[in-house]
Protein backbone atom coordinates (compact mmCIF):
# COMPACT_ATOMS: atom_id res chain seq x y z
CA MET A 1 0.28 -42.62 11.73
CA SER A 2 2.77 -45.10 13.19
CA GLY A 3 5.19 -42.99 15.21
CA ARG A 4 7.10 -39.81 14.49
CA TYR A 5 9.52 -39.67 11.57
CA LYS A 6 12.71 -37.63 11.33
CA ILE A 7 12.79 -35.81 7.99
CA LEU A 8 15.78 -34.03 6.44
CA ILE A 9 14.86 -31.41 3.82
CA LEU A 10 17.53 -29.88 1.59
CA GLY A 11 16.30 -26.36 0.88
CA ALA A 12 14.48 -23.96 3.21
CA SER A 13 12.52 -21.91 0.67
CA TYR A 14 10.01 -24.15 -1.11
CA GLY A 15 11.05 -27.00 1.20
CA SER A 16 9.62 -25.14 4.18
CA LEU A 17 6.10 -25.63 2.77
CA LEU A 18 6.35 -29.42 2.77
CA GLY A 19 8.32 -29.27 6.01
CA THR A 20 5.57 -27.31 7.75
CA LYS A 21 2.92 -29.79 6.64
CA LEU A 22 5.01 -32.64 8.06
CA LEU A 23 5.68 -30.74 11.31
CA LEU A 24 1.94 -30.21 11.80
CA ALA A 25 1.51 -33.99 11.47
CA GLY A 26 3.91 -34.52 14.37
CA ASN A 27 7.15 -35.28 12.56
CA ASP A 28 10.55 -33.73 13.31
CA VAL A 29 12.04 -31.74 10.42
CA THR A 30 15.55 -30.42 9.80
CA LEU A 31 16.02 -27.88 7.01
CA VAL A 32 19.40 -27.56 5.28
CA CYS A 33 20.04 -23.96 4.29
CA LEU A 34 22.40 -20.99 4.41
CA PRO A 35 23.80 -19.87 7.80
CA ALA A 36 21.69 -16.68 8.03
CA GLU A 37 18.52 -18.62 7.17
CA ALA A 38 19.35 -21.33 9.70
CA GLU A 39 19.90 -18.75 12.45
CA LEU A 40 16.56 -17.06 11.71
CA ILE A 41 14.59 -20.33 11.49
CA ASN A 42 16.10 -21.69 14.70
CA ALA A 43 15.18 -18.46 16.49
CA GLU A 44 11.74 -17.74 15.03
CA GLY A 45 10.54 -20.82 13.14
CA VAL A 46 8.77 -20.61 9.77
CA ARG A 47 5.54 -18.82 8.77
CA ILE A 48 3.40 -20.21 5.96
CA ARG A 49 0.54 -18.06 4.68
CA MET A 50 -2.10 -20.02 2.81
CA PRO A 51 -5.67 -19.55 1.56
CA LEU A 52 -8.51 -21.67 2.95
CA LYS A 53 -11.48 -23.05 1.02
CA SER A 54 -13.62 -20.35 2.67
CA GLY A 55 -11.57 -17.66 0.96
CA GLU A 56 -9.94 -16.58 4.21
CA ARG A 57 -6.19 -16.68 4.74
CA VAL A 58 -4.34 -18.23 7.64
CA GLU A 59 -0.75 -17.91 8.81
CA VAL A 60 0.75 -21.12 10.19
CA ASP A 61 3.51 -20.63 12.75
CA THR A 62 5.73 -23.70 13.07
CA ARG A 63 6.45 -22.87 16.71
CA LYS A 64 2.90 -24.04 17.42
CA ALA A 65 3.33 -27.35 15.58
CA PRO A 66 3.72 -30.63 17.52
CA GLY A 67 6.84 -31.58 15.56
CA LYS A 68 10.27 -30.13 16.22
CA LEU A 69 11.87 -27.85 13.60
CA SER A 70 15.60 -27.15 13.30
CA ALA A 71 17.87 -25.77 10.58
CA ALA A 72 21.54 -26.30 9.82
CA GLY A 73 24.18 -26.04 7.14
CA PRO A 74 25.01 -29.04 4.92
CA ASP A 75 28.16 -29.92 6.86
CA ALA A 76 26.31 -30.16 10.19
CA VAL A 77 23.86 -33.00 9.43
CA ASP A 78 24.26 -36.77 9.43
CA PRO A 79 21.75 -38.23 6.94
CA ALA A 80 22.00 -41.67 8.59
CA LYS A 81 20.01 -40.29 11.53
CA PHE A 82 16.93 -39.57 9.38
CA ASP A 83 14.10 -41.75 8.10
CA LEU A 84 13.54 -39.78 4.89
CA VAL A 85 15.38 -37.10 2.92
CA CYS A 86 13.52 -34.55 0.79
CA LEU A 87 15.37 -32.80 -2.03
CA ALA A 88 13.89 -29.31 -2.35
CA MET A 89 16.73 -27.21 -3.77
CA GLN A 90 16.98 -26.13 -7.39
CA GLU A 91 18.79 -28.81 -9.39
CA PRO A 92 21.95 -26.75 -10.12
CA GLN A 93 22.46 -26.18 -6.36
CA TYR A 94 23.38 -29.83 -5.76
CA ARG A 95 26.81 -29.26 -7.29
CA SER A 96 27.57 -26.52 -4.71
CA PRO A 97 30.38 -27.16 -2.20
CA GLY A 98 28.95 -28.77 0.91
CA VAL A 99 25.68 -29.75 -0.76
CA ARG A 100 27.46 -32.05 -3.21
CA GLU A 101 29.21 -33.82 -0.34
CA LEU A 102 25.95 -34.09 1.64
CA LEU A 103 24.23 -35.70 -1.34
CA ALA A 104 27.06 -38.24 -1.52
CA ARG A 105 26.64 -39.00 2.20
CA ILE A 106 22.91 -39.49 1.65
CA GLY A 107 23.70 -42.03 -1.06
CA ARG A 108 26.20 -43.89 1.10
CA ALA A 109 23.80 -43.94 4.08
CA LYS A 110 21.13 -45.55 1.84
CA VAL A 111 18.40 -43.33 3.25
CA PRO A 112 15.26 -43.18 1.05
CA ALA A 113 14.95 -39.78 -0.63
CA MET A 114 12.04 -37.94 -2.26
CA SER A 115 12.69 -35.14 -4.73
CA ILE A 116 10.26 -32.21 -4.91
CA MET A 117 12.27 -30.50 -7.64
CA ASN A 118 10.75 -29.57 -10.98
CA MET A 119 13.77 -31.23 -12.60
CA PRO A 120 13.67 -34.99 -11.92
CA PRO A 121 17.04 -36.27 -10.68
CA LEU A 122 18.75 -38.66 -13.07
CA PRO A 123 18.40 -41.69 -10.73
CA TYR A 124 14.63 -41.24 -10.76
CA LEU A 125 14.56 -41.02 -14.55
CA ALA A 126 16.42 -44.34 -14.54
CA ARG A 127 13.25 -45.85 -13.06
CA LEU A 128 11.32 -45.03 -16.24
CA PRO A 129 11.27 -47.90 -18.74
CA GLY A 130 13.34 -47.32 -21.85
CA VAL A 131 15.14 -44.21 -20.57
CA ASP A 132 18.94 -44.27 -20.80
CA VAL A 133 20.13 -41.58 -18.37
CA ARG A 134 23.52 -41.47 -20.06
CA SER A 135 21.83 -39.93 -23.10
CA ILE A 136 20.09 -37.11 -21.20
CA GLY A 137 22.86 -35.94 -18.88
CA ALA A 138 23.32 -32.70 -20.85
CA ALA A 139 20.02 -31.44 -19.41
CA SER A 140 21.46 -31.70 -15.90
CA ALA A 141 23.73 -29.01 -14.42
CA ASP A 142 26.18 -31.73 -13.34
CA PRO A 143 25.20 -35.38 -13.90
CA SER A 144 28.08 -36.64 -11.73
CA VAL A 145 26.53 -35.41 -8.46
CA TRP A 146 23.78 -38.04 -8.77
CA ALA A 147 26.11 -41.02 -9.13
CA PRO A 148 26.02 -41.98 -5.40
CA VAL A 149 22.19 -42.09 -5.32
CA SER A 150 20.51 -45.41 -6.09
CA PRO A 151 17.31 -45.35 -8.22
CA GLU A 152 15.59 -47.79 -5.85
CA LEU A 153 16.08 -45.33 -2.99
CA LEU A 154 14.78 -42.27 -4.84
CA THR A 155 11.27 -41.20 -5.68
CA LEU A 156 9.74 -38.08 -7.22
CA CYS A 157 7.02 -35.83 -5.86
CA SER A 158 5.44 -33.33 -8.24
CA PRO A 159 5.74 -29.85 -6.69
CA ASP A 160 2.29 -28.73 -7.83
CA PRO A 161 1.60 -26.21 -5.01
CA GLN A 162 2.82 -22.73 -5.94
CA ALA A 163 4.46 -20.55 -3.28
CA PHE A 164 6.79 -17.57 -3.07
CA ARG A 165 8.67 -15.47 -0.57
CA PRO A 166 6.79 -12.14 -0.29
CA GLN A 167 8.89 -9.11 -1.18
CA GLY A 168 10.13 -7.23 1.85
CA GLN A 169 9.40 -10.10 4.23
CA PRO A 170 11.99 -12.13 6.20
CA SER A 171 13.30 -15.28 4.54
CA ASN A 172 11.34 -17.51 6.95
CA VAL A 173 8.00 -16.33 5.48
CA LEU A 174 6.41 -18.18 2.55
CA GLN A 175 3.09 -17.40 0.87
CA VAL A 176 1.09 -20.07 -0.95
CA SER A 177 -0.47 -18.79 -4.18
CA LEU A 178 -1.87 -22.09 -5.49
CA PRO A 179 -2.80 -24.56 -2.71
CA THR A 180 -2.79 -27.79 -4.70
CA ASN A 181 -1.32 -31.13 -3.54
CA PHE A 182 2.12 -32.70 -3.63
CA LYS A 183 1.87 -35.89 -5.74
CA ALA A 184 4.47 -38.55 -4.98
CA THR A 185 5.28 -41.86 -6.62
CA ARG A 186 5.84 -44.93 -4.47
CA PHE A 187 9.35 -46.18 -3.81
CA GLU A 188 10.44 -49.50 -5.25
CA GLN A 189 10.46 -51.02 -1.74
CA ASP A 190 7.24 -51.37 0.28
CA ALA A 191 8.95 -50.43 3.55
CA HIS A 192 9.96 -47.05 2.13
CA THR A 193 6.56 -46.50 0.54
CA LYS A 194 5.00 -47.08 3.96
CA ILE A 195 6.78 -43.98 5.22
CA LEU A 196 5.07 -41.94 2.49
CA ARG A 197 1.68 -43.50 3.26
CA ASP A 198 2.10 -42.71 6.96
CA LEU A 199 3.05 -39.12 6.17
CA GLU A 200 0.07 -38.83 3.82
CA ALA A 201 -2.34 -39.98 6.54
CA GLY A 202 -0.74 -37.70 9.12
CA VAL A 203 -1.05 -34.61 6.92
CA ASP A 204 -4.69 -35.48 6.15
CA ALA A 205 -5.54 -35.57 9.85
CA VAL A 206 -4.17 -32.10 10.67
CA ARG A 207 -6.56 -29.37 11.79
CA TRP A 208 -5.48 -25.80 12.57
CA PRO A 209 -7.15 -23.48 15.10
CA ALA A 210 -8.47 -20.51 13.12
CA GLY A 211 -11.64 -19.51 15.00
CA SER A 212 -12.58 -23.17 14.79
CA ASP A 213 -10.45 -26.15 13.84
CA VAL A 214 -10.06 -25.97 10.06
CA GLU A 215 -8.65 -28.33 7.45
CA LEU A 216 -5.57 -26.90 5.79
CA PRO A 217 -4.94 -27.18 2.03
CA VAL A 218 -1.84 -28.70 0.42
CA LYS A 219 -1.87 -32.44 1.07
CA LEU A 220 0.53 -35.25 0.20
CA ARG A 221 -0.84 -37.84 -2.23
CA VAL A 222 1.00 -41.11 -2.91
CA HIS A 223 0.50 -42.87 -6.27
CA GLU A 224 1.52 -46.24 -7.67
CA SER A 225 2.45 -45.01 -11.15
CA VAL A 226 5.97 -43.68 -11.71
CA PHE A 227 4.52 -41.34 -14.34
CA VAL A 228 2.16 -39.28 -12.16
CA PRO A 229 4.76 -36.60 -11.27
CA LEU A 230 5.51 -36.16 -14.98
CA ALA A 231 2.14 -34.41 -15.30
CA LYS A 232 3.99 -31.27 -14.15
CA TRP A 233 6.04 -31.24 -17.37
CA ALA A 234 3.14 -30.02 -19.52
CA MET A 235 2.44 -27.25 -16.99
CA LEU A 236 6.07 -26.16 -16.89
CA LEU A 237 6.51 -26.06 -20.66
CA THR A 238 3.17 -24.37 -21.28
CA GLY A 239 3.45 -21.78 -18.51
CA ASN A 240 6.67 -21.51 -16.50
CA TYR A 241 9.25 -21.66 -19.28
CA ARG A 242 7.12 -19.63 -21.69
CA CYS A 243 7.35 -16.77 -19.17
CA VAL A 244 10.71 -16.19 -20.88
CA THR A 245 10.33 -13.81 -23.84
CA PRO A 246 12.87 -11.77 -25.86
CA GLN A 247 11.55 -8.64 -24.10
CA GLY A 248 11.80 -10.03 -20.57
CA PRO A 249 9.75 -12.11 -18.11
CA ARG A 250 5.96 -12.28 -18.12
CA ALA A 251 3.42 -13.73 -15.71
CA ILE A 252 2.52 -17.42 -15.93
CA ARG A 253 -1.09 -16.33 -16.45
CA ASP A 254 -0.09 -14.32 -19.51
CA ALA A 255 2.12 -17.08 -20.88
CA VAL A 256 -0.87 -19.42 -20.82
CA HIS A 257 -3.78 -17.13 -21.66
CA SER A 258 -2.36 -14.59 -24.12
CA ASP A 259 -2.78 -17.27 -26.83
CA ILE A 260 -4.85 -20.07 -25.34
CA GLU A 261 -4.85 -22.24 -28.46
CA ALA A 262 -1.06 -22.13 -28.74
CA SER A 263 -0.88 -23.09 -25.07
CA ARG A 264 -3.33 -25.92 -25.59
CA ALA A 265 -1.19 -27.26 -28.43
CA VAL A 266 2.04 -27.20 -26.39
CA TYR A 267 0.30 -28.84 -23.45
CA ALA A 268 -1.14 -31.61 -25.63
CA TRP A 269 2.23 -32.28 -27.24
CA VAL A 270 4.00 -32.66 -23.89
CA ARG A 271 1.25 -35.02 -22.75
CA ASP A 272 1.92 -37.06 -25.91
CA VAL A 273 5.61 -37.23 -24.97
CA CYS A 274 4.68 -38.56 -21.52
CA VAL A 275 2.40 -41.18 -23.10
CA ALA A 276 5.24 -42.18 -25.45
CA LEU A 277 7.37 -42.76 -22.34
CA GLY A 278 4.70 -45.06 -20.90
CA ALA A 279 2.25 -42.82 -19.01
CA GLN A 280 -1.48 -43.45 -19.06
CA GLU A 281 -3.94 -40.62 -19.74
CA SER A 282 -5.20 -41.06 -16.18
CA ASP A 283 -1.71 -40.19 -14.86
CA LEU A 284 -1.90 -36.74 -16.42
CA VAL A 285 -3.83 -33.51 -15.77
CA PRO A 286 -6.35 -32.13 -18.32
CA PHE A 287 -5.42 -28.83 -19.93
CA GLU A 288 -8.62 -27.10 -18.79
CA LYS A 289 -7.82 -27.77 -15.13
CA TYR A 290 -4.33 -26.33 -15.49
CA ALA A 291 -5.46 -23.33 -17.55
CA ASN A 292 -8.05 -22.44 -14.93
CA ALA A 293 -5.45 -22.63 -12.13
CA ALA A 294 -3.03 -20.51 -14.16
CA LYS A 295 -5.47 -17.58 -14.12
CA GLY A 296 -4.41 -16.94 -10.54
CA LEU A 297 -0.65 -17.01 -11.23
CA SER A 298 0.05 -13.31 -11.74
CA SER A 299 3.84 -13.44 -11.32
CA PRO A 300 6.58 -14.76 -13.62
CA SER A 301 7.91 -18.22 -12.83
CA SER A 302 10.93 -18.57 -10.56
CA ALA A 303 12.94 -19.81 -13.55
CA ALA A 304 12.14 -16.68 -15.56
CA ARG A 305 12.83 -14.37 -12.62
CA ALA A 306 16.18 -16.03 -12.00
CA LEU A 307 17.13 -15.94 -15.67
CA PHE A 308 16.53 -12.20 -15.99
CA ALA A 309 18.24 -11.56 -12.66
CA GLY A 310 21.49 -12.91 -14.10
CA ALA A 311 21.39 -16.61 -13.15
CA GLN A 312 24.03 -18.66 -14.95
CA ASN A 313 22.14 -21.93 -14.41
CA ILE A 314 18.47 -22.86 -13.95
CA GLU A 315 16.59 -26.14 -13.97
CA ARG A 316 16.27 -27.29 -17.59
CA VAL A 317 13.12 -29.38 -17.78
CA ASP A 318 12.61 -27.73 -21.18
CA LYS A 319 15.83 -29.28 -22.49
CA LEU A 320 15.12 -32.61 -20.79
CA VAL A 321 11.73 -32.98 -22.49
CA GLN A 322 13.15 -31.80 -25.81
CA THR A 323 15.86 -34.48 -25.62
CA LEU A 324 13.54 -37.31 -24.56
CA ALA A 325 11.08 -36.35 -27.30
CA ALA A 326 13.76 -36.19 -30.00
CA GLN A 327 14.88 -39.71 -29.08
CA ARG A 328 11.34 -40.81 -29.90
CA GLY A 329 11.10 -38.87 -33.18
CA MET A 330 8.98 -36.07 -31.68
CA ARG A 331 9.59 -32.33 -32.10
CA ASN A 332 7.71 -29.15 -31.21
CA GLU A 333 8.60 -25.81 -32.77
CA THR A 334 7.37 -23.76 -29.80
CA LEU A 335 9.49 -25.78 -27.37
CA ASP A 336 12.51 -25.45 -29.67
CA GLU A 337 12.07 -21.66 -29.61
CA THR A 338 11.79 -21.66 -25.81
CA VAL A 339 14.95 -23.77 -25.41
CA ALA A 340 16.84 -21.46 -27.79
CA LEU A 341 15.70 -18.34 -25.88
CA ILE A 342 16.82 -19.80 -22.55
CA ASP A 343 20.13 -21.04 -23.98
CA ALA A 344 20.84 -17.57 -25.35
CA ARG A 345 19.96 -15.78 -22.13
CA LEU A 346 22.08 -18.14 -20.02
CA GLU A 347 25.03 -17.60 -22.36
CA GLN A 348 24.53 -13.83 -22.08
CA ASN A 349 24.49 -14.08 -18.27
CA ARG A 350 27.65 -16.19 -18.25
CA ARG A 351 29.51 -13.76 -20.50
CA ALA A 352 28.43 -10.87 -18.28
CA ALA A 353 29.72 -12.67 -15.19
CA ALA A 354 33.04 -13.67 -16.74
């Protein structure tokens, strides 16, 4: 790896997983988060619990990493001082006071940014051939927040690893439940893509002392195709969003495996949508691989948990895919039912909060 990079990550929950991997590779990381979270992280660092290939579990303490970790509120950071920004908050959070202004400063500073959100930011979708972002803005919580961000300075990384904050644990603890890899698309400019390649190599080289030096899971993989991160869409629409039922939330495992043939059909349809957008079959993940991984996902998705906890906004990849598909003459009854369920629950939450 050529030198140490300074990385700014917006979001200290899921973002702390990627941040820890980059810290272990010798990079400096700043997490943007709430004041109480920042105080805790600055005092005690972050703990990431993850399973090894051997079946054992290890807890990584960022205070032992070679890189420097800090945390701050959105008003306290200057994005121009960083080499790369990572967007790890939920998409509706970018319209929040302070975060909205930080995103605008990131755009003005022309710092390359990588999203690890499930919901692709509109400037990234503008990189896909034939996609008119003006026609899909309704799927975004607030399309206007993305106006300062240039498509050539934004890339997308599929957040395939699954992680959660264990109940009853401090907010600086994260547990990995599915230790797969982050899959990023190259930037439009080679100089920015080189940063990703350097980070990829640095993460690959990390070994952690756990009895002996062991290789840690969850790597960063950089791809040439802009469609590789879209492979997550079929997983989200087959599992995560189908955790939402009229009776309440259900586990991702149950959403996928309670009717495996229905799940297979939804998954295949979403893959067809991605191919219609320009993806190759090799960019996407086979259903069998996803279905096998889903057997270990015994909790409802974060979207379903938030929805039934009263959230008035969640990331709407379901509505995004529905809209893009409809523009290409494609429709899926199961997806339509899912979108309607989520729309109704969000409306119920908003009425309750009014």
